[in-house]
C-alpha atoms as a PDB file:
ATOM      1  CA  MET A   1      22.846 141.405 -11.781  1.00  0.00           C
ATOM      2  CA  THR A   2      20.714 144.199  -9.757  1.00  0.00           C
ATOM      3  CA  HIS A   3      18.369 143.038  -6.900  1.00  0.00           C
ATOM      4  CA  ARG A   4      15.599 145.525  -5.909  1.00  0.00           C
ATOM      5  CA  LYS A   5      15.579 145.465  -2.160  1.00  0.00           C
ATOM      6  CA  THR A   6      12.503 144.284  -0.235  1.00  0.00           C
ATOM      7  CA  GLU A   7      10.238 146.650   1.980  1.00  0.00           C
ATOM      8  CA  GLY A   8       8.199 145.364   4.151  1.00  0.00           C
ATOM      9  CA  LEU A   9       7.312 141.540   6.030  1.00  0.00           C
ATOM     10  CA  ILE A  10       7.465 138.335   4.306  1.00  0.00           C
ATOM     11  CA  ALA A  11       5.804 135.703   6.114  1.00  0.00           C
ATOM     12  CA  ALA A  12       7.483 132.237   6.603  1.00  0.00           C
ATOM     13  CA  PRO A  13       3.992 129.943   5.861  1.00  0.00           C
ATOM     14  CA  PHE A  14       3.459 126.814   7.788  1.00  0.00           C
ATOM     15  CA  THR A  15       2.821 124.040   5.401  1.00  0.00           C
ATOM     16  CA  PRO A  16      -0.745 122.968   5.299  1.00  0.00           C
ATOM     17  CA  MET A  17      -1.299 119.365   5.939  1.00  0.00           C
ATOM     18  CA  ARG A  18      -4.766 116.623   6.216  1.00  0.00           C
ATOM     19  CA  GLY A  19      -5.226 114.709   9.541  1.00  0.00           C
ATOM     20  CA  ASP A  20      -3.267 112.061   8.307  1.00  0.00           C
ATOM     21  CA  ARG A  21      -0.049 114.484   7.644  1.00  0.00           C
ATOM     22  CA  THR A  22      -0.270 114.488   3.746  1.00  0.00           C
ATOM     23  CA  LEU A  23      -0.449 117.596   1.942  1.00  0.00           C
ATOM     24  CA  ASN A  24      -3.089 119.579   1.720  1.00  0.00           C
ATOM     25  CA  LEU A  25      -2.498 121.960  -1.502  1.00  0.00           C
ATOM     26  CA  ASP A  26      -6.247 122.761  -1.755  1.00  0.00           C
ATOM     27  CA  ALA A  27      -5.513 125.173   1.494  1.00  0.00           C
ATOM     28  CA  VAL A  28      -2.809 127.275  -0.066  1.00  0.00           C
ATOM     29  CA  GLU A  29      -4.875 129.403  -1.886  1.00  0.00           C
ATOM     30  CA  GLY A  30      -6.928 130.755   0.531  1.00  0.00           C
ATOM     31  CA  TYR A  31      -3.701 131.150   2.713  1.00  0.00           C
ATOM     32  CA  ALA A  32      -2.134 133.138   0.400  1.00  0.00           C
ATOM     33  CA  ARG A  33      -5.011 135.179   0.025  1.00  0.00           C
ATOM     34  CA  TRP A  34      -4.739 135.593   3.624  1.00  0.00           C
ATOM     35  CA  LEU A  35      -1.459 137.112   3.616  1.00  0.00           C
ATOM     36  CA  HIS A  36      -1.604 139.207   1.147  1.00  0.00           C
ATOM     37  CA  ARG A  37      -5.048 140.540   2.826  1.00  0.00           C
ATOM     38  CA  GLN A  38      -2.713 140.943   6.138  1.00  0.00           C
ATOM     39  CA  GLY A  39      -0.141 143.290   3.652  1.00  0.00           C
ATOM     40  CA  VAL A  40       2.546 141.097   4.105  1.00  0.00           C
ATOM     41  CA  VAL A  41       4.575 141.700   0.224  1.00  0.00           C
ATOM     42  CA  GLY A  42       5.796 137.569   0.132  1.00  0.00           C
ATOM     43  CA  ALA A  43       6.228 134.354   1.567  1.00  0.00           C
ATOM     44  CA  PHE A  44       9.237 132.478   1.961  1.00  0.00           C
ATOM     45  CA  ILE A  45       7.945 128.536   1.538  1.00  0.00           C
ATOM     46  CA  CYS A  46       9.296 125.605   2.531  1.00  0.00           C
ATOM     47  CA  GLY A  47      11.985 126.683   5.485  1.00  0.00           C
ATOM     48  CA  THR A  48      11.472 126.201   9.227  1.00  0.00           C
ATOM     49  CA  THR A  49       8.392 127.217   9.934  1.00  0.00           C
ATOM     50  CA  GLY A  50       7.241 125.346   6.670  1.00  0.00           C
ATOM     51  CA  GLU A  51       8.883 122.078   8.538  1.00  0.00           C
ATOM     52  CA  GLY A  52      10.955 121.746   4.973  1.00  0.00           C
ATOM     53  CA  MET A  53      13.278 119.202   6.098  1.00  0.00           C
ATOM     54  CA  SER A  54      10.467 117.002   6.919  1.00  0.00           C
ATOM     55  CA  LEU A  55       8.979 117.013   3.747  1.00  0.00           C
ATOM     56  CA  THR A  56       9.912 115.058   0.444  1.00  0.00           C
ATOM     57  CA  LEU A  57      11.842 116.716  -2.509  1.00  0.00           C
ATOM     58  CA  ASP A  58       8.579 115.595  -4.602  1.00  0.00           C
ATOM     59  CA  GLU A  59       6.280 117.280  -1.615  1.00  0.00           C
ATOM     60  CA  ARG A  60       8.474 120.689  -2.266  1.00  0.00           C
ATOM     61  CA  ARG A  61       7.753 120.580  -5.780  1.00  0.00           C
ATOM     62  CA  GLN A  62       4.177 120.378  -5.145  1.00  0.00           C
ATOM     63  CA  LEU A  63       4.267 123.085  -2.538  1.00  0.00           C
ATOM     64  CA  ALA A  64       6.422 125.295  -4.630  1.00  0.00           C
ATOM     65  CA  GLU A  65       4.056 125.532  -7.796  1.00  0.00           C
ATOM     66  CA  ARG A  66       1.114 125.259  -6.518  1.00  0.00           C
ATOM     67  CA  TRP A  67       2.479 128.880  -4.194  1.00  0.00           C
ATOM     68  CA  VAL A  68       3.582 130.183  -7.489  1.00  0.00           C
ATOM     69  CA  THR A  69       0.668 129.498  -9.359  1.00  0.00           C
ATOM     70  CA  ILE A  70      -1.860 130.899  -6.984  1.00  0.00           C
ATOM     71  CA  ALA A  71       0.251 133.805  -5.406  1.00  0.00           C
ATOM     72  CA  PRO A  72      -1.959 136.981  -5.765  1.00  0.00           C
ATOM     73  CA  THR A  73      -0.262 139.502  -7.709  1.00  0.00           C
ATOM     74  CA  GLY A  74       2.207 141.102  -5.468  1.00  0.00           C
ATOM     75  CA  LEU A  75       2.888 138.276  -3.022  1.00  0.00           C
ATOM     76  CA  ARG A  76       6.848 137.684  -3.772  1.00  0.00           C
ATOM     77  CA  VAL A  77       7.083 133.358  -3.605  1.00  0.00           C
ATOM     78  CA  VAL A  78      10.726 132.858  -2.249  1.00  0.00           C
ATOM     79  CA  VAL A  79      11.430 129.126  -2.005  1.00  0.00           C
ATOM     80  CA  HIS A  80      13.823 127.549   0.143  1.00  0.00           C
ATOM     81  CA  VAL A  81      15.911 124.424  -1.489  1.00  0.00           C
ATOM     82  CA  GLY A  82      18.305 123.926   1.523  1.00  0.00           C
ATOM     83  CA  HIS A  83      19.327 119.959   2.180  1.00  0.00           C
ATOM     84  CA  SER A  84      21.804 118.257   3.241  1.00  0.00           C
ATOM     85  CA  SER A  85      22.707 116.941  -0.384  1.00  0.00           C
ATOM     86  CA  LEU A  86      24.018 119.261  -2.878  1.00  0.00           C
ATOM     87  CA  ALA A  87      22.477 117.320  -6.072  1.00  0.00           C
ATOM     88  CA  ASP A  88      19.524 117.745  -4.102  1.00  0.00           C
ATOM     89  CA  CYS A  89      19.320 121.501  -3.558  1.00  0.00           C
ATOM     90  CA  GLN A  90      20.561 122.038  -7.152  1.00  0.00           C
ATOM     91  CA  ALA A  91      17.141 120.202  -7.865  1.00  0.00           C
ATOM     92  CA  LEU A  92      15.150 122.353  -6.424  1.00  0.00           C
ATOM     93  CA  ALA A  93      16.965 125.635  -7.421  1.00  0.00           C
ATOM     94  CA  ALA A  94      16.668 124.650 -11.045  1.00  0.00           C
ATOM     95  CA  HIS A  95      12.866 123.673 -10.165  1.00  0.00           C
ATOM     96  CA  ALA A  96      12.421 127.163  -8.354  1.00  0.00           C
ATOM     97  CA  GLN A  97      13.809 128.646 -11.429  1.00  0.00           C
ATOM     98  CA  SER A  98      11.381 126.503 -14.066  1.00  0.00           C
ATOM     99  CA  ILE A  99       8.388 127.296 -12.339  1.00  0.00           C
ATOM    100  CA  GLY A 100       8.321 130.857 -12.302  1.00  0.00           C
ATOM    101  CA  ALA A 101       9.540 131.631  -8.584  1.00  0.00           C
ATOM    102  CA  ASP A 102      10.715 135.127  -7.542  1.00  0.00           C
ATOM    103  CA  GLY A 103      13.849 133.903  -5.434  1.00  0.00           C
ATOM    104  CA  ILE A 104      15.605 130.819  -3.939  1.00  0.00           C
ATOM    105  CA  ALA A 105      17.157 130.777  -0.235  1.00  0.00           C
ATOM    106  CA  CYS A 106      19.614 128.227   0.810  1.00  0.00           C
ATOM    107  CA  LEU A 107      20.369 127.273   4.373  1.00  0.00           C
ATOM    108  CA  SER A 108      24.113 125.568   5.277  1.00  0.00           C
ATOM    109  CA  PRO A 109      24.207 121.978   4.958  1.00  0.00           C
ATOM    110  CA  PHE A 110      23.453 120.746   8.557  1.00  0.00           C
ATOM    111  CA  PHE A 111      24.967 117.344   9.158  1.00  0.00           C
ATOM    112  CA  PHE A 112      28.543 117.422   7.499  1.00  0.00           C
ATOM    113  CA  LYS A 113      29.335 121.560   8.152  1.00  0.00           C
ATOM    114  CA  PRO A 114      31.639 123.673   5.831  1.00  0.00           C
ATOM    115  CA  ALA A 115      34.473 124.084   7.641  1.00  0.00           C
ATOM    116  CA  GLY A 116      35.041 127.914   7.433  1.00  0.00           C
ATOM    117  CA  VAL A 117      33.209 130.941   5.106  1.00  0.00           C
ATOM    118  CA  GLU A 118      35.420 129.963   2.084  1.00  0.00           C
ATOM    119  CA  ARG A 119      33.760 126.035   2.060  1.00  0.00           C
ATOM    120  CA  LEU A 120      30.073 127.926   2.423  1.00  0.00           C
ATOM    121  CA  VAL A 121      30.534 130.052  -0.585  1.00  0.00           C
ATOM    122  CA  ASP A 122      31.675 126.873  -2.726  1.00  0.00           C
ATOM    123  CA  TRP A 123      28.209 125.435  -1.235  1.00  0.00           C
ATOM    124  CA  CYS A 124      26.123 128.058  -2.257  1.00  0.00           C
ATOM    125  CA  GLU A 125      27.841 128.743  -5.134  1.00  0.00           C
ATOM    126  CA  GLN A 126      26.803 125.788  -6.676  1.00  0.00           C
ATOM    127  CA  VAL A 127      23.452 125.786  -5.823  1.00  0.00           C
ATOM    128  CA  ALA A 128      22.972 129.236  -7.194  1.00  0.00           C
ATOM    129  CA  ALA A 129      24.331 128.184 -10.423  1.00  0.00           C
ATOM    130  CA  ALA A 130      21.390 125.633 -11.109  1.00  0.00           C
ATOM    131  CA  ALA A 131      18.847 129.034 -11.021  1.00  0.00           C
ATOM    132  CA  PRO A 132      21.361 131.903 -12.714  1.00  0.00           C
ATOM    133  CA  ARG A 133      18.114 133.757 -13.529  1.00  0.00           C
ATOM    134  CA  LEU A 134      17.077 133.904 -10.063  1.00  0.00           C
ATOM    135  CA  PRO A 135      18.355 136.060  -6.641  1.00  0.00           C
ATOM    136  CA  PHE A 136      19.931 133.685  -4.255  1.00  0.00           C
ATOM    137  CA  TYR A 137      19.865 134.318  -0.500  1.00  0.00           C
ATOM    138  CA  TYR A 138      22.265 132.757   2.187  1.00  0.00           C
ATOM    139  CA  TYR A 139      19.789 131.741   5.451  1.00  0.00           C
ATOM    140  CA  HIS A 140      21.847 132.100   8.244  1.00  0.00           C
ATOM    141  CA  MET A 141      20.342 130.371  11.017  1.00  0.00           C
ATOM    142  CA  PRO A 142      22.759 129.010  13.221  1.00  0.00           C
ATOM    143  CA  SER A 143      20.498 128.160  15.851  1.00  0.00           C
ATOM    144  CA  MET A 144      19.489 125.373  13.781  1.00  0.00           C
ATOM    145  CA  THR A 145      22.114 124.133  11.429  1.00  0.00           C
ATOM    146  CA  GLY A 146      25.112 124.781  13.610  1.00  0.00           C
ATOM    147  CA  VAL A 147      27.128 127.028  11.664  1.00  0.00           C
ATOM    148  CA  SER A 148      28.279 130.423  12.941  1.00  0.00           C
ATOM    149  CA  VAL A 149      30.151 132.647  10.247  1.00  0.00           C
ATOM    150  CA  LYS A 150      30.442 136.239  10.653  1.00  0.00           C
ATOM    151  CA  VAL A 151      27.635 136.751   7.469  1.00  0.00           C
ATOM    152  CA  HIS A 152      29.497 139.991   6.649  1.00  0.00           C
ATOM    153  CA  GLU A 153      32.786 137.943   5.180  1.00  0.00           C
ATOM    154  CA  PHE A 154      30.620 135.612   3.511  1.00  0.00           C
ATOM    155  CA  LEU A 155      28.766 137.675   1.656  1.00  0.00           C
ATOM    156  CA  ARG A 156      32.144 139.836   0.919  1.00  0.00           C
ATOM    157  CA  LEU A 157      33.375 136.703  -0.184  1.00  0.00           C
ATOM    158  CA  ALA A 158      30.564 135.325  -2.139  1.00  0.00           C
ATOM    159  CA  SER A 159      29.453 138.801  -4.584  1.00  0.00           C
ATOM    160  CA  GLN A 160      32.873 137.850  -6.156  1.00  0.00           C
ATOM    161  CA  ARG A 161      31.383 134.382  -7.333  1.00  0.00           C
ATOM    162  CA  LEU A 162      27.782 134.527  -6.720  1.00  0.00           C
ATOM    163  CA  PRO A 163      26.213 136.814  -9.834  1.00  0.00           C
ATOM    164  CA  ASN A 164      22.412 136.159  -8.461  1.00  0.00           C
ATOM    165  CA  LEU A 165      23.642 136.894  -4.812  1.00  0.00           C
ATOM    166  CA  ALA A 166      21.061 138.822  -3.268  1.00  0.00           C
ATOM    167  CA  GLY A 167      21.560 139.128  -0.050  1.00  0.00           C
ATOM    168  CA  ILE A 168      20.964 137.156   3.640  1.00  0.00           C
ATOM    169  CA  LYS A 169      17.977 136.215   5.563  1.00  0.00           C
ATOM    170  CA  PHE A 170      19.569 136.887   8.650  1.00  0.00           C
ATOM    171  CA  THR A 171      17.817 134.851  11.270  1.00  0.00           C
ATOM    172  CA  PHE A 172      20.473 135.386  14.509  1.00  0.00           C
ATOM    173  CA  GLU A 173      21.053 137.390  17.232  1.00  0.00           C
ATOM    174  CA  ASP A 174      24.190 139.029  16.391  1.00  0.00           C
ATOM    175  CA  LEU A 175      23.169 142.801  15.357  1.00  0.00           C
ATOM    176  CA  ASP A 176      26.831 143.665  14.732  1.00  0.00           C
ATOM    177  CA  ASP A 177      27.049 141.672  11.739  1.00  0.00           C
ATOM    178  CA  TYR A 178      23.732 142.366  10.387  1.00  0.00           C
ATOM    179  CA  GLN A 179      24.726 146.084  10.309  1.00  0.00           C
ATOM    180  CA  ARG A 180      28.031 145.109   8.480  1.00  0.00           C
ATOM    181  CA  CYS A 181      26.013 143.262   6.497  1.00  0.00           C
ATOM    182  CA  LEU A 182      23.325 146.532   5.440  1.00  0.00           C
ATOM    183  CA  GLU A 183      26.330 148.839   5.120  1.00  0.00           C
ATOM    184  CA  LEU A 184      28.516 146.286   2.778  1.00  0.00           C
ATOM    185  CA  GLU A 185      29.337 147.700  -0.405  1.00  0.00           C
ATOM    186  CA  ASP A 186      27.260 150.430   0.255  1.00  0.00           C
ATOM    187  CA  GLY A 187      24.496 148.893   1.161  1.00  0.00           C
ATOM    188  CA  ARG A 188      24.118 146.964  -2.148  1.00  0.00           C
ATOM    189  CA  PHE A 189      22.589 143.397  -0.042  1.00  0.00           C
ATOM    190  CA  ASP A 190      18.877 142.660   1.034  1.00  0.00           C
ATOM    191  CA  VAL A 191      19.700 141.815   4.374  1.00  0.00           C
ATOM    192  CA  LEU A 192      16.383 140.327   5.166  1.00  0.00           C
ATOM    193  CA  PHE A 193      15.779 140.372   9.292  1.00  0.00           C
ATOM    194  CA  GLY A 194      14.872 136.941  10.998  1.00  0.00           C
ATOM    195  CA  ARG A 195      14.142 137.236  14.611  1.00  0.00           C
ATOM    196  CA  ASP A 196      10.661 138.828  14.957  1.00  0.00           C
ATOM    197  CA  GLU A 197      11.173 139.582  18.758  1.00  0.00           C
ATOM    198  CA  LEU A 198      14.104 142.086  17.639  1.00  0.00           C
ATOM    199  CA  LEU A 199      12.547 143.641  14.785  1.00  0.00           C
ATOM    200  CA  LEU A 200      12.570 147.237  16.495  1.00  0.00           C
ATOM    201  CA  SER A 201      16.239 146.780  16.869  1.00  0.00           C
ATOM    202  CA  ALA A 202      17.113 146.419  13.213  1.00  0.00           C
ATOM    203  CA  LEU A 203      15.035 149.002  12.047  1.00  0.00           C
ATOM    204  CA  LYS A 204      17.122 150.823  14.452  1.00  0.00           C
ATOM    205  CA  LEU A 205      20.319 149.739  12.629  1.00  0.00           C
ATOM    206  CA  GLY A 206      18.190 150.109   8.743  1.00  0.00           C
ATOM    207  CA  ALA A 207      16.139 147.075   8.434  1.00  0.00           C
ATOM    208  CA  ARG A 208      13.825 147.340   5.541  1.00  0.00           C
ATOM    209  CA  GLY A 209      12.787 143.836   5.088  1.00  0.00           C
ATOM    210  CA  ALA A 210      11.982 141.156   7.755  1.00  0.00           C
ATOM    211  CA  VAL A 211      10.823 137.319   7.027  1.00  0.00           C
ATOM    212  CA  GLY A 212       9.022 135.706  10.318  1.00  0.00           C
ATOM    213  CA  SER A 213       6.634 133.126  11.244  1.00  0.00           C
ATOM    214  CA  THR A 214       5.033 135.645  13.395  1.00  0.00           C
ATOM    215  CA  TYR A 215       4.112 137.687  10.342  1.00  0.00           C
ATOM    216  CA  ASN A 216       1.007 134.722   9.774  1.00  0.00           C
ATOM    217  CA  TYR A 217      -1.250 135.927  11.934  1.00  0.00           C
ATOM    218  CA  ALA A 218       0.157 139.089  13.575  1.00  0.00           C
ATOM    219  CA  ALA A 219       1.239 141.374  11.265  1.00  0.00           C
ATOM    220  CA  PRO A 220      -0.852 143.965  12.142  1.00  0.00           C
ATOM    221  CA  VAL A 221       0.890 144.224  15.228  1.00  0.00           C
ATOM    222  CA  TYR A 222       4.265 144.735  12.964  1.00  0.00           C
ATOM    223  CA  HIS A 223       2.780 147.089  10.219  1.00  0.00           C
ATOM    224  CA  ALA A 224       1.918 149.405  13.211  1.00  0.00           C
ATOM    225  CA  LEU A 225       5.343 148.722  14.540  1.00  0.00           C
ATOM    226  CA  ILE A 226       7.142 150.108  11.247  1.00  0.00           C
ATOM    227  CA  ALA A 227       4.990 152.960  11.130  1.00  0.00           C
ATOM    228  CA  ALA A 228       5.392 154.143  14.506  1.00  0.00           C
ATOM    229  CA  HIS A 229       9.306 153.906  14.288  1.00  0.00           C
ATOM    230  CA  GLN A 230       9.323 155.514  10.695  1.00  0.00           C
ATOM    231  CA  GLN A 231       7.260 158.407  12.216  1.00  0.00           C
ATOM    232  CA  GLY A 232       9.172 158.685  15.153  1.00  0.00           C
ATOM    233  CA  ASP A 233       7.299 157.694  17.893  1.00  0.00           C
ATOM    234  CA  SER A 234       9.656 155.601  19.792  1.00  0.00           C
ATOM    235  CA  THR A 235       7.401 155.078  22.694  1.00  0.00           C
ATOM    236  CA  LYS A 236       4.511 153.293  20.532  1.00  0.00           C
ATOM    237  CA  ALA A 237       7.357 151.515  18.806  1.00  0.00           C
ATOM    238  CA  ALA A 238       8.649 149.908  21.343  1.00  0.00           C
ATOM    239  CA  ALA A 239       5.557 149.246  23.563  1.00  0.00           C
ATOM    240  CA  LEU A 240       4.475 147.381  20.005  1.00  0.00           C
ATOM    241  CA  GLN A 241       7.777 145.449  20.198  1.00  0.00           C
ATOM    242  CA  ALA A 242       7.123 144.562  23.660  1.00  0.00           C
ATOM    243  CA  LEU A 243       4.069 143.309  22.982  1.00  0.00           C
ATOM    244  CA  ALA A 244       4.947 141.036  20.138  1.00  0.00           C
ATOM    245  CA  VAL A 245       7.610 139.732  22.825  1.00  0.00           C
ATOM    246  CA  ARG A 246       4.921 138.758  25.320  1.00  0.00           C
ATOM    247  CA  MET A 247       2.959 136.823  22.519  1.00  0.00           C
ATOM    248  CA  ILE A 248       6.530 134.391  21.252  1.00  0.00           C
ATOM    249  CA  ASN A 249       7.323 134.212  24.691  1.00  0.00           C
ATOM    250  CA  ALA A 250       3.671 132.888  25.825  1.00  0.00           C
ATOM    251  CA  PHE A 251       4.584 130.462  22.810  1.00  0.00           C
ATOM    252  CA  LEU A 252       8.142 129.500  23.673  1.00  0.00           C
ATOM    253  CA  GLY A 253       6.687 128.991  27.319  1.00  0.00           C
ATOM    254  CA  CYS A 254       3.450 126.400  26.572  1.00  0.00           C
ATOM    255  CA  GLY A 255       5.302 123.140  26.459  1.00  0.00           C
ATOM    256  CA  ALA A 256       5.087 122.288  22.691  1.00  0.00           C
ATOM    257  CA  HIS A 257       7.512 123.233  20.189  1.00  0.00           C
ATOM    258  CA  PRO A 258       7.281 126.928  19.174  1.00  0.00           C
ATOM    259  CA  ILE A 259       6.441 125.875  15.689  1.00  0.00           C
ATOM    260  CA  ALA A 260       3.592 123.395  16.733  1.00  0.00           C
ATOM    261  CA  ALA A 261       2.262 126.043  18.928  1.00  0.00           C
ATOM    262  CA  PHE A 262       2.876 128.634  16.123  1.00  0.00           C
ATOM    263  CA  LYS A 263       1.030 126.448  13.666  1.00  0.00           C
ATOM    264  CA  TRP A 264      -2.020 125.214  15.995  1.00  0.00           C
ATOM    265  CA  PHE A 265      -2.536 129.693  16.749  1.00  0.00           C
ATOM    266  CA  MET A 266      -2.808 130.041  12.746  1.00  0.00           C
ATOM    267  CA  GLY A 267      -5.794 127.760  12.820  1.00  0.00           C
ATOM    268  CA  HIS A 268      -6.927 129.064  15.970  1.00  0.00           C
ATOM    269  CA  VAL A 269      -7.137 132.949  14.276  1.00  0.00           C
ATOM    270  CA  ALA A 270      -6.931 132.838  10.412  1.00  0.00           C
ATOM    271  CA  VAL A 271      -6.156 129.632   7.688  1.00  0.00           C
ATOM    272  CA  GLU A 272      -6.657 125.835   9.336  1.00  0.00           C
ATOM    273  CA  CYS A 273      -2.942 123.938   8.665  1.00  0.00           C
ATOM    274  CA  GLY A 274      -3.093 120.449  10.323  1.00  0.00           C
ATOM    275  CA  PRO A 275      -0.719 118.854  12.468  1.00  0.00           C
ATOM    276  CA  VAL A 276       2.862 119.448  12.539  1.00  0.00           C
ATOM    277  CA  ARG A 277       4.890 116.484  11.460  1.00  0.00           C
ATOM    278  CA  LEU A 278       7.202 113.903  13.627  1.00  0.00           C
ATOM    279  CA  PRO A 279       9.463 114.294  15.523  1.00  0.00           C
ATOM    280  CA  LEU A 280       7.209 117.520  16.140  1.00  0.00           C
ATOM    281  CA  VAL A 281       3.919 116.718  18.229  1.00  0.00           C
ATOM    282  CA  ASN A 282       1.230 118.782  18.182  1.00  0.00           C
ATOM    283  CA  PRO A 283      -0.191 120.722  21.045  1.00  0.00           C
ATOM    284  CA  THR A 284      -1.965 118.845  24.038  1.00  0.00           C
ATOM    285  CA  PRO A 285      -5.573 120.364  24.789  1.00  0.00           C
ATOM    286  CA  GLU A 286      -4.183 121.226  28.269  1.00  0.00           C
ATOM    287  CA  GLN A 287      -1.255 123.368  26.249  1.00  0.00           C
ATOM    288  CA  SER A 288      -3.142 124.580  24.137  1.00  0.00           C
ATOM    289  CA  ALA A 289      -5.484 126.339  26.797  1.00  0.00           C
ATOM    290  CA  ALA A 290      -3.045 127.406  28.574  1.00  0.00           C
ATOM    291  CA  LEU A 291      -1.356 128.945  25.503  1.00  0.00           C
ATOM    292  CA  GLU A 292      -4.821 130.984  24.815  1.00  0.00           C
ATOM    293  CA  THR A 293      -4.839 132.464  28.508  1.00  0.00           C
ATOM    294  CA  ARG A 294      -1.066 133.555  28.101  1.00  0.00           C
ATOM    295  CA  LEU A 295      -1.781 135.123  24.591  1.00  0.00           C
ATOM    296  CA  ASP A 296      -4.907 136.618  25.857  1.00  0.00           C
ATOM    297  CA  ALA A 297      -2.624 137.801  28.689  1.00  0.00           C
ATOM    298  CA  SER A 298       0.067 139.363  26.280  1.00  0.00           C
ATOM    299  CA  GLY A 299      -2.744 141.901  24.341  1.00  0.00           C
ATOM    300  CA  VAL A 300      -2.489 139.947  21.210  1.00  0.00           C
ATOM    301  CA  PHE A 301      -5.909 139.679  20.347  1.00  0.00           C
ATOM    302  CA  GLU A 302      -6.724 143.321  20.657  1.00  0.00           C
ATOM    303  CA  TRP A 303      -4.994 143.029  17.249  1.00  0.00           C
ATOM    304  CA  VAL A 304      -5.745 139.457  15.649  1.00  0.00           C
ATOM    305  CA  GLN A 305      -9.209 137.853  16.054  1.00  0.00           C
ATOM    306  CA  ARG A 306      -9.738 134.501  16.461  1.00  0.00           C
ATOM    307  CA  ARG A 307     -11.832 132.973  13.976  1.00  0.00           C
ATOM    308  CA  SER A 308     -15.734 132.044  14.061  1.00  0.00           C
ATOM    309  CA  THR A 309     -16.842 128.594  13.555  1.00  0.00           C
ATOM    310  CA  ALA A 310     -18.112 129.993  10.170  1.00  0.00           C
ATOM    311  CA  SER A 311     -15.328 130.610   9.473  1.00  0.00           C
ATOM    312  CA  ALA A 312     -13.024 127.194  10.742  1.00  0.00           C
ATOM    313  CA  ALA A 313     -12.938 125.433   6.832  1.00  0.00           C
ATOM    314  CA  VAL A 314      -9.629 124.802   5.883  1.00  0.00           C
ATOM    315  CA  GLY A 315      -8.646 127.622   3.802  1.00  0.00           C
ATOM    316  CA  ALA A 316     -11.524 129.620   4.798  1.00  0.00           C
END
C-alpha cells in the first residue's frame, strides 16, 4: 500500500467540552473551519492534547464521527485509537475505518508495557489489521507511555508485517533516531515530527510534516518558520523558532498542566473549548493572568490575535 507524504502542519485539537465537562460536539464545526483557515492540513484527534485517554470509548466514537462528517475539504482527520485494551483499540480502529477517517494512530500500551520492539510490533499489527484500508501510524511518545524503543528498528520490523503501515508520529527528542526513520527504505515512511519547540531542527533533517498542540493557535508562526527555512533564511527561521520556544516556555512555567494552559489559550484567541477533565484542572485566574503577561513578552501576539468579545461564542 502506497501512502502520500504529509506536507505541512497537522494540529492536535483539544476536545471541546461544556461547563459540566461533557462533550460539546457543536463546537467542532467552527473549530474545523478555524484550522482550515489557518492553513493546517489535518487534525489529529483524541490524542494527548485532546485528552483522549480521559474520554470514554463512546465519546471517542462520537468525536471521531463529528470531525469526519464536518471536516472541510483538504483537512485530513487522523483518529488516535490507542488504549490499554487491545480489543478496545481494535474496535476504535474499525470504527474509524467505517466512518471514513483518513488514518489511524496508536500509542503503545502504557500500563502493561511491551517487552521490546517485537512485542510492540505484535500489538500494532493487530490494531492495524482492524482497519486494513486506513494508513496506520505508530504514535511514539515515551514521555507519556514510558515505552522507549528505537523507532527505526520498529519501522524495519513492522514494515514486513503491517501492509497499511504509513509512518510515525514521532514525539521525542532523539533526532538521530528521527533522521534514521526519515532515511529508512529510501524515505518510504511519513515521519511526522511531534515536538513543536524543535521543529526547525527536524526541518533541517528533512521533515516535511509535523503534528503539534501549538499549531491549533499559532500556525502562522510555524508557517513563516517553514517558509523561511525553505527560502534559506536561517536567521529568520531561527528567530521564529526562538519565539515559539518563548511561547511554549510561558505555558510550561505558568503552574498549570501544559494541556490545561494550552486549552485555556485556545479559548482566549480562537475557539472556546471549555474545561479540562480530572485529573487535569483549569488554570487559576492568577495563573491565567501571569501566563498572559509572559505570552505578551514572548511576542506571540504579533502573530496571534486575541478574540474580541463579539466572537466569544462557543465555536466562533
